[in-house]
PDB file of N, CA and C in Angstrom:
ATOM      1  N   MET A   1     -11.526 -28.865 -92.230  1.00  0.00           N
ATOM      2  CA  MET A   1     -11.353 -27.451 -91.973  1.00  0.00           C
ATOM      3  C   MET A   1     -10.253 -26.919 -92.872  1.00  0.00           C
ATOM      4  N   THR A   2     -10.534 -25.842 -93.576  1.00  0.00           N
ATOM      5  CA  THR A   2      -9.528 -25.258 -94.448  1.00  0.00           C
ATOM      6  C   THR A   2      -8.756 -24.192 -93.700  1.00  0.00           C
ATOM      7  N   ILE A   3      -7.501 -24.075 -94.049  1.00  0.00           N
ATOM      8  CA  ILE A   3      -6.615 -23.083 -93.446  1.00  0.00           C
ATOM      9  C   ILE A   3      -6.676 -21.833 -94.312  1.00  0.00           C
ATOM     10  N   PRO A   4      -6.936 -20.654 -93.734  1.00  0.00           N
ATOM     11  CA  PRO A   4      -7.020 -19.446 -94.558  1.00  0.00           C
ATOM     12  C   PRO A   4      -5.686 -19.136 -95.232  1.00  0.00           C
ATOM     13  N   MET A   5      -5.781 -18.625 -96.451  1.00  0.00           N
ATOM     14  CA  MET A   5      -4.587 -18.278 -97.215  1.00  0.00           C
ATOM     15  C   MET A   5      -4.119 -16.882 -96.813  1.00  0.00           C
ATOM     16  N   PRO A   6      -2.827 -16.723 -96.573  1.00  0.00           N
ATOM     17  CA  PRO A   6      -2.317 -15.383 -96.275  1.00  0.00           C
ATOM     18  C   PRO A   6      -2.547 -14.461 -97.470  1.00  0.00           C
ATOM     19  N   PRO A   7      -2.992 -13.223 -97.237  1.00  0.00           N
ATOM     20  CA  PRO A   7      -3.292 -12.317 -98.342  1.00  0.00           C
ATOM     21  C   PRO A   7      -2.114 -12.085 -99.279  1.00  0.00           C
ATOM     22  N   ASP A   8      -0.887 -12.136 -98.747  1.00  0.00           N
ATOM     23  CA  ASP A   8       0.277 -11.867 -99.591  1.00  0.00           C
ATOM     24  C   ASP A   8       0.538 -12.989-100.596  1.00  0.00           C
ATOM     25  N   LEU A   9      -0.076 -14.153-100.412  1.00  0.00           N
ATOM     26  CA  LEU A   9       0.124 -15.240-101.372  1.00  0.00           C
ATOM     27  C   LEU A   9      -0.835 -15.175-102.552  1.00  0.00           C
ATOM     28  N   TRP A  10      -1.953 -14.463-102.403  1.00  0.00           N
ATOM     29  CA  TRP A  10      -2.890 -14.363-103.513  1.00  0.00           C
ATOM     30  C   TRP A  10      -2.303 -13.488-104.605  1.00  0.00           C
ATOM     31  N   ALA A  11      -2.109 -14.045-105.778  1.00  0.00           N
ATOM     32  CA  ALA A  11      -1.674 -13.341-106.993  1.00  0.00           C
ATOM     33  C   ALA A  11      -0.701 -12.205-106.703  1.00  0.00           C
ATOM     34  N   SER A  12       0.556 -12.533-106.686  1.00  0.00           N
ATOM     35  CA  SER A  12       1.588 -11.539-106.418  1.00  0.00           C
ATOM     36  C   SER A  12       1.476 -10.356-107.380  1.00  0.00           C
ATOM     37  N   PRO A  13       1.825  -9.149-106.933  1.00  0.00           N
ATOM     38  CA  PRO A  13       1.667  -7.948-107.771  1.00  0.00           C
ATOM     39  C   PRO A  13       2.389  -8.047-109.106  1.00  0.00           C
ATOM     40  N   SER A  14       3.507  -8.754-109.151  1.00  0.00           N
ATOM     41  CA  SER A  14       4.237  -8.874-110.410  1.00  0.00           C
ATOM     42  C   SER A  14       3.468  -9.703-111.431  1.00  0.00           C
ATOM     43  N   MET A  15       2.519 -10.540-110.949  1.00  0.00           N
ATOM     44  CA  MET A  15       1.746 -11.387-111.850  1.00  0.00           C
ATOM     45  C   MET A  15       0.410 -10.754-112.232  1.00  0.00           C
ATOM     46  N   LYS A  16       0.106  -9.580-111.685  1.00  0.00           N
ATOM     47  CA  LYS A  16      -1.191  -8.962-111.951  1.00  0.00           C
ATOM     48  C   LYS A  16      -1.361  -8.732-113.453  1.00  0.00           C
ATOM     49  N   GLY A  17      -2.438  -9.250-113.998  1.00  0.00           N
ATOM     50  CA  GLY A  17      -2.710  -9.064-115.413  1.00  0.00           C
ATOM     51  C   GLY A  17      -2.077 -10.115-116.309  1.00  0.00           C
ATOM     52  N   SER A  18      -1.240 -10.990-115.780  1.00  0.00           N
ATOM     53  CA  SER A  18      -0.643 -12.034-116.609  1.00  0.00           C
ATOM     54  C   SER A  18      -0.888 -13.393-115.968  1.00  0.00           C
ATOM     55  N   LEU A  19      -0.964 -14.391-116.813  1.00  0.00           N
ATOM     56  CA  LEU A  19      -1.232 -15.743-116.340  1.00  0.00           C
ATOM     57  C   LEU A  19       0.042 -16.571-116.394  1.00  0.00           C
ATOM     58  N   ARG A  20       0.094 -17.588-115.551  1.00  0.00           N
ATOM     59  CA  ARG A  20       1.232 -18.506-115.535  1.00  0.00           C
ATOM     60  C   ARG A  20       0.899 -19.755-116.349  1.00  0.00           C
ATOM     61  N   THR A  21       1.932 -20.385-116.854  1.00  0.00           N
ATOM     62  CA  THR A  21       1.764 -21.711-117.421  1.00  0.00           C
ATOM     63  C   THR A  21       1.743 -22.698-116.257  1.00  0.00           C
ATOM     64  N   HIS A  22       1.402 -23.946-116.541  1.00  0.00           N
ATOM     65  CA  HIS A  22       1.369 -24.951-115.475  1.00  0.00           C
ATOM     66  C   HIS A  22       2.767 -25.150-114.887  1.00  0.00           C
ATOM     67  N   ALA A  23       3.783 -25.129-115.734  1.00  0.00           N
ATOM     68  CA  ALA A  23       5.162 -25.286-115.258  1.00  0.00           C
ATOM     69  C   ALA A  23       5.579 -24.098-114.400  1.00  0.00           C
ATOM     70  N   GLN A  24       5.191 -22.899-114.799  1.00  0.00           N
ATOM     71  CA  GLN A  24       5.513 -21.704-114.011  1.00  0.00           C
ATOM     72  C   GLN A  24       4.812 -21.739-112.658  1.00  0.00           C
ATOM     73  N   ALA A  25       3.576 -22.239-112.628  1.00  0.00           N
ATOM     74  CA  ALA A  25       2.839 -22.343-111.362  1.00  0.00           C
ATOM     75  C   ALA A  25       3.531 -23.326-110.429  1.00  0.00           C
ATOM     76  N   ALA A  26       3.977 -24.458-110.966  1.00  0.00           N
ATOM     77  CA  ALA A  26       4.683 -25.443-110.144  1.00  0.00           C
ATOM     78  C   ALA A  26       5.995 -24.854-109.625  1.00  0.00           C
ATOM     79  N   GLN A  27       6.696 -24.104-110.469  1.00  0.00           N
ATOM     80  CA  GLN A  27       7.945 -23.470-110.053  1.00  0.00           C
ATOM     81  C   GLN A  27       7.675 -22.418-108.980  1.00  0.00           C
ATOM     82  N   TRP A  28       6.612 -21.637-109.146  1.00  0.00           N
ATOM     83  CA  TRP A  28       6.258 -20.616-108.164  1.00  0.00           C
ATOM     84  C   TRP A  28       5.957 -21.260-106.816  1.00  0.00           C
ATOM     85  N   MET A  29       5.213 -22.376-106.832  1.00  0.00           N
ATOM     86  CA  MET A  29       4.919 -23.080-105.586  1.00  0.00           C
ATOM     87  C   MET A  29       6.204 -23.526-104.909  1.00  0.00           C
ATOM     88  N   ASP A  30       7.142 -24.033-105.696  1.00  0.00           N
ATOM     89  CA  ASP A  30       8.428 -24.474-105.159  1.00  0.00           C
ATOM     90  C   ASP A  30       9.180 -23.298-104.537  1.00  0.00           C
ATOM     91  N   GLU A  31       9.172 -22.156-105.214  1.00  0.00           N
ATOM     92  CA  GLU A  31       9.854 -20.961-104.704  1.00  0.00           C
ATOM     93  C   GLU A  31       9.219 -20.467-103.402  1.00  0.00           C
ATOM     94  N   GLN A  32       7.903 -20.646-103.274  1.00  0.00           N
ATOM     95  CA  GLN A  32       7.190 -20.225-102.063  1.00  0.00           C
ATOM     96  C   GLN A  32       7.304 -21.251-100.945  1.00  0.00           C
ATOM     97  N   GLY A  33       7.844 -22.423-101.261  1.00  0.00           N
ATOM     98  CA  GLY A  33       7.932 -23.494-100.275  1.00  0.00           C
ATOM     99  C   GLY A  33       6.572 -24.124 -99.999  1.00  0.00           C
ATOM    100  N   LEU A  34       5.719 -24.114-101.003  1.00  0.00           N
ATOM    101  CA  LEU A  34       4.348 -24.591-100.872  1.00  0.00           C
ATOM    102  C   LEU A  34       4.209 -25.920-101.612  1.00  0.00           C
ATOM    103  N   SER A  35       3.986 -26.995-100.862  1.00  0.00           N
ATOM    104  CA  SER A  35       3.838 -28.309-101.489  1.00  0.00           C
ATOM    105  C   SER A  35       2.406 -28.497-101.995  1.00  0.00           C
ATOM    106  N   LYS A  36       2.222 -29.491-102.849  1.00  0.00           N
ATOM    107  CA  LYS A  36       0.884 -29.815-103.342  1.00  0.00           C
ATOM    108  C   LYS A  36      -0.022 -30.202-102.180  1.00  0.00           C
ATOM    109  N   SER A  37       0.524 -30.951-101.244  1.00  0.00           N
ATOM    110  CA  SER A  37      -0.265 -31.387-100.089  1.00  0.00           C
ATOM    111  C   SER A  37      -0.698 -30.200 -99.229  1.00  0.00           C
ATOM    112  N   GLU A  38       0.210 -29.254 -99.015  1.00  0.00           N
ATOM    113  CA  GLU A  38      -0.119 -28.077 -98.206  1.00  0.00           C
ATOM    114  C   GLU A  38      -1.177 -27.227 -98.901  1.00  0.00           C
ATOM    115  N   LEU A  39      -1.026 -27.018-100.200  1.00  0.00           N
ATOM    116  CA  LEU A  39      -2.012 -26.249-100.952  1.00  0.00           C
ATOM    117  C   LEU A  39      -3.371 -26.950-100.895  1.00  0.00           C
ATOM    118  N   ALA A  40      -3.361 -28.267-101.028  1.00  0.00           N
ATOM    119  CA  ALA A  40      -4.609 -29.038-100.954  1.00  0.00           C
ATOM    120  C   ALA A  40      -5.268 -28.863 -99.590  1.00  0.00           C
ATOM    121  N   ARG A  41      -4.494 -28.916 -98.515  1.00  0.00           N
ATOM    122  CA  ARG A  41      -5.044 -28.720 -97.172  1.00  0.00           C
ATOM    123  C   ARG A  41      -5.661 -27.337 -97.025  1.00  0.00           C
ATOM    124  N   ARG A  42      -5.004 -26.335 -97.547  1.00  0.00           N
ATOM    125  CA  ARG A  42      -5.492 -24.960 -97.415  1.00  0.00           C
ATOM    126  C   ARG A  42      -6.806 -24.742 -98.155  1.00  0.00           C
ATOM    127  N   PHE A  43      -6.990 -25.463 -99.260  1.00  0.00           N
ATOM    128  CA  PHE A  43      -8.217 -25.305-100.036  1.00  0.00           C
ATOM    129  C   PHE A  43      -9.246 -26.380 -99.728  1.00  0.00           C
ATOM    130  N   GLY A  44      -8.884 -27.345 -98.885  1.00  0.00           N
ATOM    131  CA  GLY A  44      -9.826 -28.395 -98.530  1.00  0.00           C
ATOM    132  C   GLY A  44     -10.096 -29.374 -99.649  1.00  0.00           C
ATOM    133  N   VAL A  45      -9.082 -29.644-100.469  1.00  0.00           N
ATOM    134  CA  VAL A  45      -9.213 -30.592-101.574  1.00  0.00           C
ATOM    135  C   VAL A  45      -8.127 -31.653-101.450  1.00  0.00           C
ATOM    136  N   SER A  46      -8.137 -32.624-102.343  1.00  0.00           N
ATOM    137  CA  SER A  46      -7.123 -33.678-102.300  1.00  0.00           C
ATOM    138  C   SER A  46      -5.855 -33.234-103.032  1.00  0.00           C
ATOM    139  N   ALA A  47      -4.748 -33.817-102.645  1.00  0.00           N
ATOM    140  CA  ALA A  47      -3.474 -33.521-103.312  1.00  0.00           C
ATOM    141  C   ALA A  47      -3.517 -33.987-104.759  1.00  0.00           C
ATOM    142  N   SER A  48      -4.275 -35.044-105.042  1.00  0.00           N
ATOM    143  CA  SER A  48      -4.373 -35.528-106.425  1.00  0.00           C
ATOM    144  C   SER A  48      -5.101 -34.509-107.306  1.00  0.00           C
ATOM    145  N   LEU A  49      -6.057 -33.760-106.737  1.00  0.00           N
ATOM    146  CA  LEU A  49      -6.726 -32.706-107.509  1.00  0.00           C
ATOM    147  C   LEU A  49      -5.742 -31.593-107.835  1.00  0.00           C
ATOM    148  N   VAL A  50      -4.946 -31.189-106.861  1.00  0.00           N
ATOM    149  CA  VAL A  50      -3.938 -30.146-107.111  1.00  0.00           C
ATOM    150  C   VAL A  50      -2.952 -30.621-108.176  1.00  0.00           C
ATOM    151  N   ASP A  51      -2.544 -31.880-108.097  1.00  0.00           N
ATOM    152  CA  ASP A  51      -1.631 -32.442-109.096  1.00  0.00           C
ATOM    153  C   ASP A  51      -2.263 -32.422-110.486  1.00  0.00           C
ATOM    154  N   ALA A  52      -3.532 -32.804-110.591  1.00  0.00           N
ATOM    155  CA  ALA A  52      -4.228 -32.794-111.887  1.00  0.00           C
ATOM    156  C   ALA A  52      -4.335 -31.377-112.444  1.00  0.00           C
ATOM    157  N   ILE A  53      -4.556 -30.409-111.573  1.00  0.00           N
ATOM    158  CA  ILE A  53      -4.628 -29.009-112.011  1.00  0.00           C
ATOM    159  C   ILE A  53      -3.275 -28.564-112.548  1.00  0.00           C
ATOM    160  N   LEU A  54      -2.201 -28.907-111.835  1.00  0.00           N
ATOM    161  CA  LEU A  54      -0.861 -28.499-112.265  1.00  0.00           C
ATOM    162  C   LEU A  54      -0.425 -29.200-113.560  1.00  0.00           C
ATOM    163  N   ARG A  55      -0.977 -30.379-113.827  1.00  0.00           N
ATOM    164  CA  ARG A  55      -0.655 -31.088-115.071  1.00  0.00           C
ATOM    165  C   ARG A  55      -1.568 -30.675-116.219  1.00  0.00           C
ATOM    166  N   GLY A  56      -2.566 -29.833-115.920  1.00  0.00           N
ATOM    167  CA  GLY A  56      -3.473 -29.364-116.966  1.00  0.00           C
ATOM    168  C   GLY A  56      -4.562 -30.348-117.328  1.00  0.00           C
ATOM    169  N   GLN A  57      -4.868 -31.284-116.444  1.00  0.00           N
ATOM    170  CA  GLN A  57      -5.882 -32.291-116.726  1.00  0.00           C
ATOM    171  C   GLN A  57      -7.278 -31.876-116.259  1.00  0.00           C
ATOM    172  N   LYS A  58      -7.380 -30.780-115.527  1.00  0.00           N
ATOM    173  CA  LYS A  58      -8.668 -30.274-115.054  1.00  0.00           C
ATOM    174  C   LYS A  58      -8.953 -28.937-115.724  1.00  0.00           C
ATOM    175  N   LYS A  59     -10.214 -28.704-116.065  1.00  0.00           N
ATOM    176  CA  LYS A  59     -10.590 -27.432-116.684  1.00  0.00           C
ATOM    177  C   LYS A  59     -10.808 -26.331-115.653  1.00  0.00           C
ATOM    178  N   CYS A  60     -11.064 -26.702-114.412  1.00  0.00           N
ATOM    179  CA  CYS A  60     -11.193 -25.741-113.304  1.00  0.00           C
ATOM    180  C   CYS A  60     -12.268 -24.692-113.571  1.00  0.00           C
ATOM    181  N   ARG A  61     -13.437 -25.138-113.924  1.00  0.00           N
ATOM    182  CA  ARG A  61     -14.518 -24.214-114.271  1.00  0.00           C
ATOM    183  C   ARG A  61     -15.263 -23.656-113.063  1.00  0.00           C
ATOM    184  N   ARG A  62     -15.325 -24.422-111.963  1.00  0.00           N
ATOM    185  CA  ARG A  62     -16.083 -23.949-110.805  1.00  0.00           C
ATOM    186  C   ARG A  62     -15.573 -24.600-109.532  1.00  0.00           C
ATOM    187  N   GLY A  63     -16.024 -24.045-108.415  1.00  0.00           N
ATOM    188  CA  GLY A  63     -15.710 -24.632-107.123  1.00  0.00           C
ATOM    189  C   GLY A  63     -14.258 -24.516-106.714  1.00  0.00           C
ATOM    190  N   ALA A  64     -13.826 -25.500-105.942  1.00  0.00           N
ATOM    191  CA  ALA A  64     -12.483 -25.471-105.364  1.00  0.00           C
ATOM    192  C   ALA A  64     -11.398 -25.520-106.434  1.00  0.00           C
ATOM    193  N   SER A  65     -11.600 -26.292-107.499  1.00  0.00           N
ATOM    194  CA  SER A  65     -10.566 -26.351-108.538  1.00  0.00           C
ATOM    195  C   SER A  65     -10.398 -24.987-109.208  1.00  0.00           C
ATOM    196  N   HIS A  66     -11.503 -24.253-109.380  1.00  0.00           N
ATOM    197  CA  HIS A  66     -11.435 -22.895-109.923  1.00  0.00           C
ATOM    198  C   HIS A  66     -10.627 -22.000-108.986  1.00  0.00           C
ATOM    199  N   ASN A  67     -10.889 -22.104-107.685  1.00  0.00           N
ATOM    200  CA  ASN A  67     -10.163 -21.287-106.709  1.00  0.00           C
ATOM    201  C   ASN A  67      -8.668 -21.584-106.732  1.00  0.00           C
ATOM    202  N   VAL A  68      -8.308 -22.852-106.828  1.00  0.00           N
ATOM    203  CA  VAL A  68      -6.893 -23.228-106.878  1.00  0.00           C
ATOM    204  C   VAL A  68      -6.253 -22.647-108.133  1.00  0.00           C
ATOM    205  N   ALA A  69      -6.923 -22.755-109.278  1.00  0.00           N
ATOM    206  CA  ALA A  69      -6.379 -22.236-110.539  1.00  0.00           C
ATOM    207  C   ALA A  69      -6.223 -20.721-110.499  1.00  0.00           C
ATOM    208  N   VAL A  70      -7.183 -20.023-109.917  1.00  0.00           N
ATOM    209  CA  VAL A  70      -7.086 -18.559-109.794  1.00  0.00           C
ATOM    210  C   VAL A  70      -5.928 -18.203-108.862  1.00  0.00           C
ATOM    211  N   PHE A  71      -5.819 -18.931-107.740  1.00  0.00           N
ATOM    212  CA  PHE A  71      -4.733 -18.686-106.795  1.00  0.00           C
ATOM    213  C   PHE A  71      -3.369 -18.848-107.448  1.00  0.00           C
ATOM    214  N   LEU A  72      -3.233 -19.867-108.309  1.00  0.00           N
ATOM    215  CA  LEU A  72      -1.955 -20.135-108.976  1.00  0.00           C
ATOM    216  C   LEU A  72      -1.753 -19.282-110.230  1.00  0.00           C
ATOM    217  N   CYS A  73      -2.708 -18.406-110.530  1.00  0.00           N
ATOM    218  CA  CYS A  73      -2.670 -17.546-111.727  1.00  0.00           C
ATOM    219  C   CYS A  73      -2.662 -18.373-113.008  1.00  0.00           C
ATOM    220  N   LEU A  74      -3.323 -19.514-112.978  1.00  0.00           N
ATOM    221  CA  LEU A  74      -3.471 -20.328-114.178  1.00  0.00           C
ATOM    222  C   LEU A  74      -4.636 -19.826-115.017  1.00  0.00           C
ATOM    223  N   LYS A  75      -5.550 -19.102-114.372  1.00  0.00           N
ATOM    224  CA  LYS A  75      -6.685 -18.530-115.084  1.00  0.00           C
ATOM    225  C   LYS A  75      -7.091 -17.240-114.404  1.00  0.00           C
ATOM    226  N   ALA A  76      -7.719 -16.381-115.172  1.00  0.00           N
ATOM    227  CA  ALA A  76      -8.219 -15.121-114.626  1.00  0.00           C
ATOM    228  C   ALA A  76      -9.572 -15.378-113.992  1.00  0.00           C
ATOM    229  N   GLY A  77      -9.944 -14.546-113.063  1.00  0.00           N
ATOM    230  CA  GLY A  77     -11.254 -14.670-112.444  1.00  0.00           C
ATOM    231  C   GLY A  77     -11.201 -14.354-110.979  1.00  0.00           C
ATOM    232  N   GLN A  78     -12.351 -14.471-110.361  1.00  0.00           N
ATOM    233  CA  GLN A  78     -12.491 -14.221-108.937  1.00  0.00           C
ATOM    234  C   GLN A  78     -12.688 -15.549-108.224  1.00  0.00           C
ATOM    235  N   PRO A  79     -12.130 -15.700-107.035  1.00  0.00           N
ATOM    236  CA  PRO A  79     -12.377 -16.926-106.272  1.00  0.00           C
ATOM    237  C   PRO A  79     -13.856 -17.052-105.924  1.00  0.00           C
ATOM    238  N   VAL A  80     -14.340 -18.273-105.893  1.00  0.00           N
ATOM    239  CA  VAL A  80     -15.716 -18.535-105.496  1.00  0.00           C
ATOM    240  C   VAL A  80     -15.778 -18.407-103.983  1.00  0.00           C
ATOM    241  N   ALA A  81     -16.728 -17.628-103.484  1.00  0.00           N
ATOM    242  CA  ALA A  81     -16.795 -17.332-102.056  1.00  0.00           C
ATOM    243  C   ALA A  81     -17.254 -18.528-101.228  1.00  0.00           C
ATOM    244  N   ALA A  82     -18.256 -19.231-101.681  1.00  0.00           N
ATOM    245  CA  ALA A  82     -18.814 -20.327-100.895  1.00  0.00           C
ATOM    246  C   ALA A  82     -18.540 -21.663-101.570  1.00  0.00           C
ATOM    247  N   LYS A  83     -18.489 -22.699-100.751  1.00  0.00           N
ATOM    248  CA  LYS A  83     -18.306 -24.036-101.275  1.00  0.00           C
ATOM    249  C   LYS A  83     -19.522 -24.403-102.121  1.00  0.00           C
ATOM    250  N   GLN A  84     -19.273 -24.924-103.314  1.00  0.00           N
ATOM    251  CA  GLN A  84     -20.348 -25.313-104.206  1.00  0.00           C
ATOM    252  C   GLN A  84     -20.867 -26.692-103.816  1.00  0.00           C
ATOM    253  N   PRO A  85     -22.184 -26.867-103.673  1.00  0.00           N
ATOM    254  CA  PRO A  85     -22.713 -28.180-103.287  1.00  0.00           C
ATOM    255  C   PRO A  85     -22.635 -29.162-104.449  1.00  0.00           C
ATOM    256  N   TYR A  86     -22.481 -30.422-104.098  1.00  0.00           N
ATOM    257  CA  TYR A  86     -22.500 -31.462-105.115  1.00  0.00           C
ATOM    258  C   TYR A  86     -23.942 -31.688-105.546  1.00  0.00           C
ATOM    259  N   ARG A  87     -24.129 -32.262-106.714  1.00  0.00           N
ATOM    260  CA  ARG A  87     -25.482 -32.506-107.219  1.00  0.00           C
ATOM    261  C   ARG A  87     -26.282 -33.377-106.261  1.00  0.00           C
ATOM    262  N   ARG A  88     -25.645 -34.380-105.683  1.00  0.00           N
ATOM    263  CA  ARG A  88     -26.341 -35.282-104.767  1.00  0.00           C
ATOM    264  C   ARG A  88     -26.874 -34.488-103.563  1.00  0.00           C
ATOM    265  N   GLU A  89     -26.082 -33.560-103.042  1.00  0.00           N
ATOM    266  CA  GLU A  89     -26.512 -32.752-101.900  1.00  0.00           C
ATOM    267  C   GLU A  89     -27.671 -31.835-102.307  1.00  0.00           C
ATOM    268  N   ARG A  90     -27.619 -31.275-103.500  1.00  0.00           N
ATOM    269  CA  ARG A  90     -28.703 -30.402-103.964  1.00  0.00           C
ATOM    270  C   ARG A  90     -29.970 -31.204-104.134  1.00  0.00           C
ATOM    271  N   ALA A  91     -29.862 -32.412-104.692  1.00  0.00           N
ATOM    272  CA  ALA A  91     -31.038 -33.258-104.911  1.00  0.00           C
ATOM    273  C   ALA A  91     -31.673 -33.654-103.577  1.00  0.00           C
ATOM    274  N   GLN A  92     -30.852 -33.972-102.595  1.00  0.00           N
ATOM    275  CA  GLN A  92     -31.375 -34.344-101.285  1.00  0.00           C
ATOM    276  C   GLN A  92     -32.034 -33.141-100.616  1.00  0.00           C
ATOM    277  N   GLY A  93     -31.432 -31.970-100.789  1.00  0.00           N
ATOM    278  CA  GLY A  93     -31.989 -30.744-100.199  1.00  0.00           C
ATOM    279  C   GLY A  93     -33.326 -30.394-100.815  1.00  0.00           C
ATOM    280  N   ALA A  94     -33.507 -30.642-102.111  1.00  0.00           N
ATOM    281  CA  ALA A  94     -34.747 -30.327-102.798  1.00  0.00           C
ATOM    282  C   ALA A  94     -35.858 -31.302-102.402  1.00  0.00           C
ATOM    283  N   ALA A  95     -35.475 -32.550-102.089  1.00  0.00           N
ATOM    284  CA  ALA A  95     -36.464 -33.553-101.730  1.00  0.00           C
ATOM    285  C   ALA A  95     -36.993 -33.347-100.312  1.00  0.00           C
ATOM    286  N   ALA A  96     -36.240 -32.659 -99.485  1.00  0.00           N
ATOM    287  CA  ALA A  96     -36.639 -32.479 -98.073  1.00  0.00           C
ATOM    288  C   ALA A  96     -37.712 -31.443 -97.893  1.00  0.00           C
TER     289      ALA A  96
END
């Protein structure tokens, strides 16, 4: 179960139109008192995924990693509304 994000944490007004570097995102999380584990719980992902995003090892093109990157202002875009199914789940759904 994911914990809903408070609206005031989504892209602060001072960051509107500008993106953060990975170091700035990590610093912002620290200033907000938001740990990697807490952010991972809120988005329903692993802490190692959040760590990889903050280190720049993930491209964050879709799904939860995209949502985390948009939330941290690492990339522009809109959060994905629904959880994206894995290929295995889509294949099983098509076979049924």
